Amino acid sequence: MNLHVLAQDLEIFIPARDKLKYKVNPIIRNVISLPAGGWDAIKFQLSLIRGKVFALS
């Protein structure tokens, strides 16, 4: 599974200000760390391999 990091910050999310931080060409990662007191906006794509579904918790 690939995770696309659209935006992240170390402070609380404020929609009026933080919408400008979203990236047009996001970084692709396998693992994302969430900063303490911060937020991450991610996009992900899942592909089913041989009909198996993996649950995320």
PDB file of N, CA and C in Angstrom:
ATOM      1  N   MET A   1       0.848  -1.170   0.000  1.00  0.00           N
ATOM      2  CA  MET A   1       0.000   0.000   0.000  1.00  0.00           C
ATOM      3  C   MET A   1       0.896   1.235   0.000  1.00  0.00           C
ATOM      4  N   ASN A   2       0.586   2.160  -0.873  1.00  0.00           N
ATOM      5  CA  ASN A   2       1.318   3.415  -0.926  1.00  0.00           C
ATOM      6  C   ASN A   2       0.497   4.520  -0.282  1.00  0.00           C
ATOM      7  N   LEU A   3       1.146   5.303   0.554  1.00  0.00           N
ATOM      8  CA  LEU A   3       0.498   6.442   1.199  1.00  0.00           C
ATOM      9  C   LEU A   3       1.043   7.720   0.580  1.00  0.00           C
ATOM     10  N   HIS A   4       0.166   8.600   0.171  1.00  0.00           N
ATOM     11  CA  HIS A   4       0.552   9.875  -0.402  1.00  0.00           C
ATOM     12  C   HIS A   4       0.350  10.946   0.667  1.00  0.00           C
ATOM     13  N   VAL A   5       1.428  11.589   1.095  1.00  0.00           N
ATOM     14  CA  VAL A   5       1.345  12.626   2.126  1.00  0.00           C
ATOM     15  C   VAL A   5       0.939  13.935   1.445  1.00  0.00           C
ATOM     16  N   LEU A   6      -0.309  14.344   1.652  1.00  0.00           N
ATOM     17  CA  LEU A   6      -0.803  15.569   1.035  1.00  0.00           C
ATOM     18  C   LEU A   6      -0.365  16.805   1.808  1.00  0.00           C
ATOM     19  N   ALA A   7      -0.378  16.710   3.133  1.00  0.00           N
ATOM     20  CA  ALA A   7       0.027  17.840   3.977  1.00  0.00           C
ATOM     21  C   ALA A   7       0.238  17.342   5.396  1.00  0.00           C
ATOM     22  N   GLN A   8       1.009  18.101   6.175  1.00  0.00           N
ATOM     23  CA  GLN A   8       1.196  17.789   7.589  1.00  0.00           C
ATOM     24  C   GLN A   8       1.666  19.041   8.312  1.00  0.00           C
ATOM     25  N   ASP A   9       1.417  19.059   9.616  1.00  0.00           N
ATOM     26  CA  ASP A   9       1.817  20.211  10.427  1.00  0.00           C
ATOM     27  C   ASP A   9       1.954  19.768  11.875  1.00  0.00           C
ATOM     28  N   LEU A  10       2.677  20.546  12.659  1.00  0.00           N
ATOM     29  CA  LEU A  10       2.899  20.235  14.063  1.00  0.00           C
ATOM     30  C   LEU A  10       1.885  20.897  14.978  1.00  0.00           C
ATOM     31  N   GLU A  11       0.987  21.712  14.426  1.00  0.00           N
ATOM     32  CA  GLU A  11      -0.019  22.408  15.226  1.00  0.00           C
ATOM     33  C   GLU A  11      -1.402  21.852  14.912  1.00  0.00           C
ATOM     34  N   ILE A  12      -2.422  22.376  15.579  1.00  0.00           N
ATOM     35  CA  ILE A  12      -3.784  21.930  15.309  1.00  0.00           C
ATOM     36  C   ILE A  12      -4.216  22.376  13.917  1.00  0.00           C
ATOM     37  N   PHE A  13      -5.181  21.665  13.337  1.00  0.00           N
ATOM     38  CA  PHE A  13      -5.651  21.965  11.988  1.00  0.00           C
ATOM     39  C   PHE A  13      -6.597  23.158  12.007  1.00  0.00           C
ATOM     40  N   ILE A  14      -6.271  24.183  11.242  1.00  0.00           N
ATOM     41  CA  ILE A  14      -7.122  25.358  11.061  1.00  0.00           C
ATOM     42  C   ILE A  14      -7.439  25.434   9.573  1.00  0.00           C
ATOM     43  N   PRO A  15      -8.688  25.117   9.172  1.00  0.00           N
ATOM     44  CA  PRO A  15      -9.024  24.998   7.745  1.00  0.00           C
ATOM     45  C   PRO A  15      -8.674  26.225   6.898  1.00  0.00           C
ATOM     46  N   ALA A  16      -8.925  27.414   7.390  1.00  0.00           N
ATOM     47  CA  ALA A  16      -8.665  28.616   6.597  1.00  0.00           C
ATOM     48  C   ALA A  16      -7.181  28.772   6.267  1.00  0.00           C
ATOM     49  N   ARG A  17      -6.319  28.380   7.168  1.00  0.00           N
ATOM     50  CA  ARG A  17      -4.884  28.533   6.973  1.00  0.00           C
ATOM     51  C   ARG A  17      -4.244  27.297   6.341  1.00  0.00           C
ATOM     52  N   ASP A  18      -4.665  26.112   6.778  1.00  0.00           N
ATOM     53  CA  ASP A  18      -3.958  24.894   6.404  1.00  0.00           C
ATOM     54  C   ASP A  18      -4.342  24.330   5.043  1.00  0.00           C
ATOM     55  N   LYS A  19      -5.413  24.802   4.416  1.00  0.00           N
ATOM     56  CA  LYS A  19      -5.743  24.337   3.072  1.00  0.00           C
ATOM     57  C   LYS A  19      -4.666  24.727   2.074  1.00  0.00           C
ATOM     58  N   LEU A  20      -3.921  25.776   2.359  1.00  0.00           N
ATOM     59  CA  LEU A  20      -2.852  26.219   1.473  1.00  0.00           C
ATOM     60  C   LEU A  20      -1.622  25.324   1.541  1.00  0.00           C
ATOM     61  N   LYS A  21      -1.524  24.443   2.533  1.00  0.00           N
ATOM     62  CA  LYS A  21      -0.359  23.581   2.708  1.00  0.00           C
ATOM     63  C   LYS A  21      -0.438  22.284   1.891  1.00  0.00           C
ATOM     64  N   TYR A  22      -1.595  22.010   1.259  1.00  0.00           N
ATOM     65  CA  TYR A  22      -1.744  20.775   0.497  1.00  0.00           C
ATOM     66  C   TYR A  22      -0.858  20.807  -0.741  1.00  0.00           C
ATOM     67  N   LYS A  23      -0.190  19.693  -1.018  1.00  0.00           N
ATOM     68  CA  LYS A  23       0.781  19.608  -2.106  1.00  0.00           C
ATOM     69  C   LYS A  23       0.114  19.088  -3.381  1.00  0.00           C
ATOM     70  N   VAL A  24       0.553  19.611  -4.512  1.00  0.00           N
ATOM     71  CA  VAL A  24       0.050  19.148  -5.801  1.00  0.00           C
ATOM     72  C   VAL A  24       0.655  17.790  -6.133  1.00  0.00           C
ATOM     73  N   ASN A  25       1.946  17.631  -5.910  1.00  0.00           N
ATOM     74  CA  ASN A  25       2.645  16.364  -6.132  1.00  0.00           C
ATOM     75  C   ASN A  25       3.056  15.790  -4.784  1.00  0.00           C
ATOM     76  N   PRO A  26       2.190  14.985  -4.159  1.00  0.00           N
ATOM     77  CA  PRO A  26       2.493  14.502  -2.803  1.00  0.00           C
ATOM     78  C   PRO A  26       3.632  13.481  -2.771  1.00  0.00           C
ATOM     79  N   ILE A  27       4.266  13.397  -1.617  1.00  0.00           N
ATOM     80  CA  ILE A  27       5.329  12.431  -1.365  1.00  0.00           C
ATOM     81  C   ILE A  27       4.692  11.060  -1.157  1.00  0.00           C
ATOM     82  N   ILE A  28       5.288  10.013  -1.731  1.00  0.00           N
ATOM     83  CA  ILE A  28       4.774   8.648  -1.571  1.00  0.00           C
ATOM     84  C   ILE A  28       5.631   7.933  -0.534  1.00  0.00           C
ATOM     85  N   ARG A  29       4.963   7.356   0.475  1.00  0.00           N
ATOM     86  CA  ARG A  29       5.663   6.641   1.548  1.00  0.00           C
ATOM     87  C   ARG A  29       4.917   5.352   1.873  1.00  0.00           C
ATOM     88  N   ASN A  30       5.607   4.463   2.578  1.00  0.00           N
ATOM     89  CA  ASN A  30       4.992   3.235   3.077  1.00  0.00           C
ATOM     90  C   ASN A  30       4.527   3.393   4.515  1.00  0.00           C
ATOM     91  N   VAL A  31       5.207   4.261   5.274  1.00  0.00           N
ATOM     92  CA  VAL A  31       4.900   4.482   6.685  1.00  0.00           C
ATOM     93  C   VAL A  31       4.884   5.981   6.938  1.00  0.00           C
ATOM     94  N   ILE A  32       3.912   6.427   7.735  1.00  0.00           N
ATOM     95  CA  ILE A  32       3.822   7.845   8.084  1.00  0.00           C
ATOM     96  C   ILE A  32       3.755   7.966   9.593  1.00  0.00           C
ATOM     97  N   SER A  33       4.551   8.867  10.152  1.00  0.00           N
ATOM     98  CA  SER A  33       4.481   9.111  11.592  1.00  0.00           C
ATOM     99  C   SER A  33       3.647  10.363  11.831  1.00  0.00           C
ATOM    100  N   LEU A  34       2.768  10.272  12.792  1.00  0.00           N
ATOM    101  CA  LEU A  34       1.896  11.393  13.141  1.00  0.00           C
ATOM    102  C   LEU A  34       2.560  12.187  14.255  1.00  0.00           C
ATOM    103  N   PRO A  35       2.821  13.480  14.019  1.00  0.00           N
ATOM    104  CA  PRO A  35       3.469  14.282  15.060  1.00  0.00           C
ATOM    105  C   PRO A  35       2.544  14.493  16.259  1.00  0.00           C
ATOM    106  N   ALA A  36       3.105  14.531  17.460  1.00  0.00           N
ATOM    107  CA  ALA A  36       2.310  14.742  18.672  1.00  0.00           C
ATOM    108  C   ALA A  36       1.660  16.114  18.615  1.00  0.00           C
ATOM    109  N   GLY A  37       0.343  16.157  18.743  1.00  0.00           N
ATOM    110  CA  GLY A  37      -0.384  17.410  18.689  1.00  0.00           C
ATOM    111  C   GLY A  37      -0.560  17.951  17.292  1.00  0.00           C
ATOM    112  N   GLY A  38      -0.152  17.202  16.288  1.00  0.00           N
ATOM    113  CA  GLY A  38      -0.234  17.668  14.911  1.00  0.00           C
ATOM    114  C   GLY A  38      -1.213  16.851  14.086  1.00  0.00           C
ATOM    115  N   TRP A  39      -1.107  16.953  12.772  1.00  0.00           N
ATOM    116  CA  TRP A  39      -2.026  16.265  11.878  1.00  0.00           C
ATOM    117  C   TRP A  39      -1.314  15.916  10.573  1.00  0.00           C
ATOM    118  N   ASP A  40      -1.845  14.916   9.891  1.00  0.00           N
ATOM    119  CA  ASP A  40      -1.392  14.490   8.564  1.00  0.00           C
ATOM    120  C   ASP A  40      -2.622  14.332   7.687  1.00  0.00           C
ATOM    121  N   ALA A  41      -2.543  14.778   6.459  1.00  0.00           N
ATOM    122  CA  ALA A  41      -3.589  14.508   5.463  1.00  0.00           C
ATOM    123  C   ALA A  41      -2.989  13.545   4.455  1.00  0.00           C
ATOM    124  N   ILE A  42      -3.590  12.350   4.330  1.00  0.00           N
ATOM    125  CA  ILE A  42      -3.035  11.327   3.448  1.00  0.00           C
ATOM    126  C   ILE A  42      -4.094  10.843   2.462  1.00  0.00           C
ATOM    127  N   LYS A  43      -3.594  10.302   1.362  1.00  0.00           N
ATOM    128  CA  LYS A  43      -4.430   9.624   0.378  1.00  0.00           C
ATOM    129  C   LYS A  43      -3.795   8.255   0.187  1.00  0.00           C
ATOM    130  N   PHE A  44      -4.608   7.215   0.100  1.00  0.00           N
ATOM    131  CA  PHE A  44      -4.030   5.902  -0.116  1.00  0.00           C
ATOM    132  C   PHE A  44      -4.865   5.114  -1.105  1.00  0.00           C
ATOM    133  N   GLN A  45      -4.195   4.179  -1.785  1.00  0.00           N
ATOM    134  CA  GLN A  45      -4.842   3.286  -2.726  1.00  0.00           C
ATOM    135  C   GLN A  45      -4.580   1.863  -2.272  1.00  0.00           C
ATOM    136  N   LEU A  46      -5.620   1.057  -2.291  1.00  0.00           N
ATOM    137  CA  LEU A  46      -5.499  -0.350  -1.932  1.00  0.00           C
ATOM    138  C   LEU A  46      -5.686  -1.190  -3.175  1.00  0.00           C
ATOM    139  N   SER A  47      -4.926  -2.233  -3.279  1.00  0.00           N
ATOM    140  CA  SER A  47      -5.118  -3.180  -4.375  1.00  0.00           C
ATOM    141  C   SER A  47      -5.362  -4.552  -3.759  1.00  0.00           C
ATOM    142  N   LEU A  48      -6.361  -5.228  -4.236  1.00  0.00           N
ATOM    143  CA  LEU A  48      -6.681  -6.559  -3.734  1.00  0.00           C
ATOM    144  C   LEU A  48      -5.823  -7.581  -4.473  1.00  0.00           C
ATOM    145  N   ILE A  49      -5.070  -8.342  -3.714  1.00  0.00           N
ATOM    146  CA  ILE A  49      -4.200  -9.360  -4.293  1.00  0.00           C
ATOM    147  C   ILE A  49      -4.803 -10.726  -4.020  1.00  0.00           C
ATOM    148  N   ARG A  50      -5.175 -11.427  -5.083  1.00  0.00           N
ATOM    149  CA  ARG A  50      -5.781 -12.764  -4.977  1.00  0.00           C
ATOM    150  C   ARG A  50      -7.033 -12.779  -4.099  1.00  0.00           C
ATOM    151  N   GLY A  51      -7.785 -11.682  -4.090  1.00  0.00           N
ATOM    152  CA  GLY A  51      -9.036 -11.646  -3.375  1.00  0.00           C
ATOM    153  C   GLY A  51      -8.931 -11.480  -1.868  1.00  0.00           C
ATOM    154  N   LYS A  52      -7.736 -11.232  -1.339  1.00  0.00           N
ATOM    155  CA  LYS A  52      -7.565 -11.074   0.101  1.00  0.00           C
ATOM    156  C   LYS A  52      -7.728  -9.607   0.483  1.00  0.00           C
ATOM    157  N   VAL A  53      -8.375  -9.376   1.599  1.00  0.00           N
ATOM    158  CA  VAL A  53      -8.556  -8.020   2.100  1.00  0.00           C
ATOM    159  C   VAL A  53      -7.822  -7.918   3.426  1.00  0.00           C
ATOM    160  N   PHE A  54      -7.005  -6.888   3.567  1.00  0.00           N
ATOM    161  CA  PHE A  54      -6.245  -6.677   4.788  1.00  0.00           C
ATOM    162  C   PHE A  54      -6.893  -5.539   5.574  1.00  0.00           C
ATOM    163  N   ALA A  55      -7.119  -5.744   6.861  1.00  0.00           N
ATOM    164  CA  ALA A  55      -7.761  -4.728   7.697  1.00  0.00           C
ATOM    165  C   ALA A  55      -6.701  -3.837   8.318  1.00  0.00           C
ATOM    166  N   LEU A  56      -6.981  -2.545   8.352  1.00  0.00           N
ATOM    167  CA  LEU A  56      -6.091  -1.594   9.014  1.00  0.00           C
ATOM    168  C   LEU A  56      -6.688  -1.230  10.350  1.00  0.00           C
ATOM    169  N   SER A  57      -5.869  -1.224  11.382  1.00  0.00           N
ATOM    170  CA  SER A  57      -6.381  -0.848  12.701  1.00  0.00           C
ATOM    171  C   SER A  57      -5.504   0.200  13.330  1.00  0.00           C
TER     172      SER A  57
END
